[in-house]
Amino acid sequence: MTRIILILLFIFSSQALADNLKVIDGDTIVLNGEKIRFAGIDAPEYKQDCINGDLLIYCGMFSKVLLTKKIGNETPKCISEGKDVYGRTLAECFVNGESLSSFLVRHGYAFAYRKYSKKFIKDEEHAKKIKIGMWAMDFEFPWDFRKNKIADNPSERCGVELTAKLEGYMVWLTE
């Protein structure tokens, strides 16, 4: 039986980031050498996947892609809220006046991190209500995913490459 696996990868040549910015995953960036973790949200881990029908969706990768595309070649403006236990700056970051955290949560590729903040609950309720992003799939919350330590290497999942492009993403299939 052939299983379709969909990997959503950003084609970096089509989108330039600011020179002083690196997107680590859906809720972490490095800006001017400073590692910034978005306060109040939790995005899927980079190696985390979801199931949509018979499709395996790399939702962690997609969260990073979504954030990368949203930032584009802009430089985020961040408001620091302190440091976490890992020494990362906790902040809410904005592009063109829009909260990147709110954007990710409203699009279903991050969650309100209620353990630390209530700020993005309405955004999450909106995404859940309209079944957008991960809310349209079977998924594990990122905090549960980390706790269960089931992250594996997505590069090992890749099979035969199809040279099909879908709105700036590559589609991969494996058997």
Protein backbone atom coordinates (compact mmCIF):
# COMPACT_ATOMS: atom_id res chain seq x y z
CA MET A 1 0.00 0.00 0.00
CA THR A 2 1.34 3.36 -0.95
CA ARG A 3 1.36 5.95 1.76
CA ILE A 4 1.39 9.56 0.80
CA ILE A 5 3.60 11.71 2.93
CA LEU A 6 3.43 15.43 2.51
CA ILE A 7 6.41 17.48 3.50
CA LEU A 8 5.99 21.19 3.39
CA LEU A 9 9.35 22.78 2.84
CA PHE A 10 9.98 26.41 2.27
CA ILE A 11 11.88 27.23 -0.90
CA PHE A 12 14.29 29.70 0.59
CA SER A 13 15.39 31.09 -2.74
CA SER A 14 11.93 32.60 -3.19
CA GLN A 15 11.87 34.41 0.16
CA ALA A 16 14.71 36.42 1.64
CA LEU A 17 14.96 36.97 5.38
CA ALA A 18 16.56 39.98 6.97
CA ASP A 19 20.33 39.43 7.32
CA ASN A 20 20.14 39.65 11.12
CA LEU A 21 17.34 37.08 11.50
CA LYS A 22 17.13 33.29 11.66
CA VAL A 23 13.89 31.36 12.20
CA ILE A 24 14.62 28.33 14.40
CA ASP A 25 11.09 26.90 14.59
CA GLY A 26 7.51 28.11 14.92
CA ASP A 27 8.06 29.95 18.18
CA THR A 28 11.78 30.75 18.28
CA ILE A 29 13.92 33.18 16.30
CA VAL A 30 17.42 34.57 16.58
CA LEU A 31 17.45 38.32 16.00
CA ASN A 32 20.74 40.23 16.05
CA GLY A 33 22.36 37.24 17.78
CA GLU A 34 19.71 37.09 20.53
CA LYS A 35 17.64 33.91 20.85
CA ILE A 36 13.99 34.90 21.31
CA ARG A 37 11.23 32.50 22.39
CA PHE A 38 7.72 33.80 21.73
CA ALA A 39 6.09 34.24 25.13
CA GLY A 40 2.63 32.78 25.75
CA ILE A 41 2.51 30.33 22.83
CA ASP A 42 3.82 26.88 22.04
CA ALA A 43 4.31 25.79 18.43
CA PRO A 44 4.83 22.21 17.30
CA GLU A 45 8.38 20.94 17.50
CA TYR A 46 10.26 21.03 14.20
CA LYS A 47 10.26 17.21 14.01
CA GLN A 48 6.60 16.89 15.01
CA ASP A 49 4.03 15.56 12.57
CA CYS A 50 0.24 15.40 12.35
CA ILE A 51 -2.21 13.17 10.51
CA ASN A 52 -4.81 14.48 8.10
CA GLY A 53 -6.81 11.52 6.79
CA ASP A 54 -4.14 9.28 5.26
CA LEU A 55 -1.63 12.11 4.90
CA LEU A 56 1.30 12.58 7.22
CA ILE A 57 1.82 16.33 7.60
CA TYR A 58 5.03 17.72 9.03
CA CYS A 59 3.25 20.37 11.06
CA GLY A 60 6.40 21.41 12.93
CA MET A 61 8.13 22.19 9.65
CA PHE A 62 5.02 23.91 8.38
CA SER A 63 4.81 26.11 11.48
CA LYS A 64 8.37 27.27 10.81
CA VAL A 65 7.56 27.87 7.14
CA LEU A 66 4.44 29.84 8.02
CA LEU A 67 6.42 32.04 10.41
CA THR A 68 9.21 32.50 7.87
CA LYS A 69 6.79 33.52 5.14
CA LYS A 70 4.92 35.87 7.48
CA ILE A 71 8.13 37.66 8.44
CA GLY A 72 9.33 37.83 4.84
CA ASN A 73 12.20 40.29 4.54
CA GLU A 74 10.95 42.41 7.44
CA THR A 75 12.75 42.71 10.76
CA PRO A 76 10.46 41.83 13.67
CA LYS A 77 10.08 44.31 16.51
CA CYS A 78 10.04 42.48 19.83
CA ILE A 79 8.88 43.49 23.30
CA SER A 80 10.84 41.59 25.93
CA GLU A 81 9.01 39.97 28.84
CA GLY A 82 12.11 38.56 30.55
CA LYS A 83 14.18 35.40 30.25
CA ASP A 84 13.27 31.72 30.46
CA VAL A 85 15.19 29.03 32.34
CA TYR A 86 17.28 28.38 29.21
CA GLY A 87 18.44 32.00 29.01
CA ARG A 88 16.31 32.82 25.98
CA THR A 89 14.57 36.16 25.82
CA LEU A 90 10.80 35.77 26.17
CA ALA A 91 9.06 38.30 23.97
CA GLU A 92 6.11 39.11 21.79
CA CYS A 93 7.30 40.04 18.31
CA PHE A 94 5.52 42.04 15.65
CA VAL A 95 5.80 42.55 11.89
CA ASN A 96 4.02 45.58 10.46
CA GLY A 97 2.19 45.97 13.77
CA GLU A 98 0.80 42.41 13.77
CA SER A 99 1.70 39.97 16.55
CA LEU A 100 3.48 36.94 15.13
CA SER A 101 2.25 34.89 18.10
CA SER A 102 -1.37 35.81 17.50
CA PHE A 103 -0.96 35.10 13.78
CA LEU A 104 0.43 31.60 14.38
CA VAL A 105 -2.21 30.70 16.97
CA ARG A 106 -5.10 32.07 14.86
CA HIS A 107 -3.87 30.00 11.91
CA GLY A 108 -3.72 26.84 14.02
CA TYR A 109 0.04 26.30 13.95
CA ALA A 110 0.71 27.29 17.56
CA PHE A 111 -1.25 27.05 20.77
CA ALA A 112 -1.99 29.33 23.69
CA TYR A 113 0.52 28.20 26.31
CA ARG A 114 -1.92 28.41 29.21
CA LYS A 115 0.70 27.20 31.67
CA TYR A 116 2.40 30.57 31.26
CA SER A 117 -0.16 32.99 29.78
CA LYS A 118 -3.83 33.48 28.99
CA LYS A 119 -3.14 36.09 26.30
CA PHE A 120 -3.73 33.99 23.17
CA ILE A 121 -6.68 31.84 24.30
CA LYS A 122 -9.20 33.72 22.11
CA ASP A 123 -6.95 33.25 19.07
CA GLU A 124 -6.77 29.53 19.80
CA GLU A 125 -10.53 29.25 20.31
CA HIS A 126 -11.01 30.93 16.91
CA ALA A 127 -8.68 28.45 15.16
CA LYS A 128 -10.27 25.49 16.92
CA LYS A 129 -13.80 26.66 16.06
CA ILE A 130 -13.10 26.97 12.34
CA LYS A 131 -10.85 23.86 12.30
CA ILE A 132 -7.86 25.56 10.74
CA GLY A 133 -4.25 24.36 10.77
CA MET A 134 -3.55 21.59 13.24
CA TRP A 135 -7.14 21.78 14.49
CA ALA A 136 -8.16 20.16 11.18
CA MET A 137 -5.86 17.18 11.90
CA ASP A 138 -5.03 14.57 14.48
CA PHE A 139 -2.15 15.96 16.52
CA GLU A 140 -0.37 15.90 19.83
CA PHE A 141 0.08 19.16 21.75
CA PRO A 142 3.74 20.24 21.61
CA TRP A 143 4.17 19.95 25.39
CA ASP A 144 2.90 16.36 25.26
CA PHE A 145 5.09 15.60 22.25
CA ARG A 146 8.18 16.78 24.13
CA LYS A 147 7.16 14.90 27.26
CA ASN A 148 6.65 11.67 25.32
CA LYS A 149 10.02 12.07 23.57
CA ILE A 150 8.81 10.61 20.31
CA ALA A 151 10.57 13.07 18.02
CA ASP A 152 12.34 11.27 15.21
CA ASN A 153 14.41 12.44 12.25
CA PRO A 154 12.21 13.81 9.44
CA SER A 155 15.08 13.43 6.95
CA GLU A 156 14.76 9.65 7.30
CA ARG A 157 11.08 9.81 6.30
CA CYS A 158 11.78 11.23 2.86
CA GLY A 159 11.41 8.78 0.03
CA VAL A 160 11.10 9.46 -3.65
CA GLU A 161 11.08 13.15 -4.47
CA LEU A 162 8.41 14.40 -6.79
CA THR A 163 9.26 17.58 -8.55
CA ALA A 164 5.80 18.92 -7.96
CA LYS A 165 5.46 22.32 -6.41
CA LEU A 166 2.48 23.46 -4.41
CA GLU A 167 2.35 27.19 -3.63
CA GLY A 168 6.06 27.42 -2.88
CA TYR A 169 6.31 24.10 -1.07
CA MET A 170 7.69 20.75 -2.23
CA VAL A 171 5.53 17.63 -2.13
CA TRP A 172 7.21 14.31 -1.31
CA LEU A 173 5.82 10.80 -1.57
CA THR A 174 7.09 7.55 -0.08
CA GLU A 175 5.98 3.99 -0.38
